[in-house]
Amino acid sequence: MTNDFRDLLIILSEHAEEATIHNEGWDYHLEWRDGDCIVTQTKQYCID
């Protein structure tokens, strides 16, 4: 994760209740739960 991408996640956490970002083969899902910002990272897979 680059510093620019980490900065984007921080900015989103300050302004969005929920967001999903796709970056370099990964999905990052940001959501607020019980006052905490949770970021879940998931690898994207292509199944033929």
C-alpha atoms as a PDB file:
ATOM      1  CA  MET A   1       0.000   0.000   0.000  1.00  0.00           C
ATOM      2  CA  THR A   2       1.521   3.323  -1.042  1.00  0.00           C
ATOM      3  CA  ASN A   3       1.518   6.388   1.178  1.00  0.00           C
ATOM      4  CA  ASP A   4      -0.813   8.171  -1.278  1.00  0.00           C
ATOM      5  CA  PHE A   5      -3.300   5.310  -1.108  1.00  0.00           C
ATOM      6  CA  ARG A   6      -3.087   5.187   2.688  1.00  0.00           C
ATOM      7  CA  ASP A   7      -3.726   8.960   2.745  1.00  0.00           C
ATOM      8  CA  LEU A   8      -6.804   8.418   0.538  1.00  0.00           C
ATOM      9  CA  LEU A   9      -8.158   5.849   3.014  1.00  0.00           C
ATOM     10  CA  ILE A  10      -7.630   8.313   5.866  1.00  0.00           C
ATOM     11  CA  ILE A  11      -9.466  11.082   3.985  1.00  0.00           C
ATOM     12  CA  LEU A  12     -12.343   8.728   3.146  1.00  0.00           C
ATOM     13  CA  SER A  13     -12.593   7.615   6.760  1.00  0.00           C
ATOM     14  CA  GLU A  14     -13.105  11.248   7.750  1.00  0.00           C
ATOM     15  CA  HIS A  15     -15.895  11.874   5.214  1.00  0.00           C
ATOM     16  CA  ALA A  16     -17.600   8.595   4.241  1.00  0.00           C
ATOM     17  CA  GLU A  17     -19.637   6.146   6.274  1.00  0.00           C
ATOM     18  CA  GLU A  18     -18.826   3.333   3.847  1.00  0.00           C
ATOM     19  CA  ALA A  19     -16.681   2.981   0.707  1.00  0.00           C
ATOM     20  CA  THR A  20     -15.051   0.353  -1.496  1.00  0.00           C
ATOM     21  CA  ILE A  21     -11.849   1.056  -3.420  1.00  0.00           C
ATOM     22  CA  HIS A  22     -10.214  -1.175  -6.050  1.00  0.00           C
ATOM     23  CA  ASN A  23      -6.414  -0.844  -6.263  1.00  0.00           C
ATOM     24  CA  GLU A  24      -3.751  -3.051  -7.880  1.00  0.00           C
ATOM     25  CA  GLY A  25      -5.719  -6.304  -7.653  1.00  0.00           C
ATOM     26  CA  TRP A  26      -7.101  -5.633  -4.176  1.00  0.00           C
ATOM     27  CA  ASP A  27     -10.462  -4.441  -2.841  1.00  0.00           C
ATOM     28  CA  TYR A  28     -10.473  -2.249   0.260  1.00  0.00           C
ATOM     29  CA  HIS A  29     -13.811  -1.908   2.024  1.00  0.00           C
ATOM     30  CA  LEU A  30     -14.058   0.868   4.601  1.00  0.00           C
ATOM     31  CA  GLU A  31     -16.934   1.052   7.073  1.00  0.00           C
ATOM     32  CA  TRP A  32     -17.696   2.432  10.493  1.00  0.00           C
ATOM     33  CA  ARG A  33     -18.708  -0.039  13.248  1.00  0.00           C
ATOM     34  CA  ASP A  34     -19.447   1.037  16.805  1.00  0.00           C
ATOM     35  CA  GLY A  35     -17.374   4.209  16.419  1.00  0.00           C
ATOM     36  CA  ASP A  36     -14.355   2.451  14.845  1.00  0.00           C
ATOM     37  CA  CYS A  37     -13.304   2.679  11.209  1.00  0.00           C
ATOM     38  CA  ILE A  38     -12.722  -0.846   9.868  1.00  0.00           C
ATOM     39  CA  VAL A  39     -10.811  -1.433   6.606  1.00  0.00           C
ATOM     40  CA  THR A  40     -11.028  -4.922   5.108  1.00  0.00           C
ATOM     41  CA  GLN A  41      -8.548  -5.895   2.382  1.00  0.00           C
ATOM     42  CA  THR A  42      -9.554  -8.636  -0.081  1.00  0.00           C
ATOM     43  CA  LYS A  43      -7.574 -10.024  -3.035  1.00  0.00           C
ATOM     44  CA  GLN A  44      -9.396  -9.876  -6.378  1.00  0.00           C
ATOM     45  CA  TYR A  45      -9.453 -13.181  -8.250  1.00  0.00           C
ATOM     46  CA  CYS A  46     -10.386 -13.909 -11.836  1.00  0.00           C
ATOM     47  CA  ILE A  47     -12.091 -17.279 -12.314  1.00  0.00           C
ATOM     48  CA  ASP A  48     -12.601 -18.546 -15.862  1.00  0.00           C
END
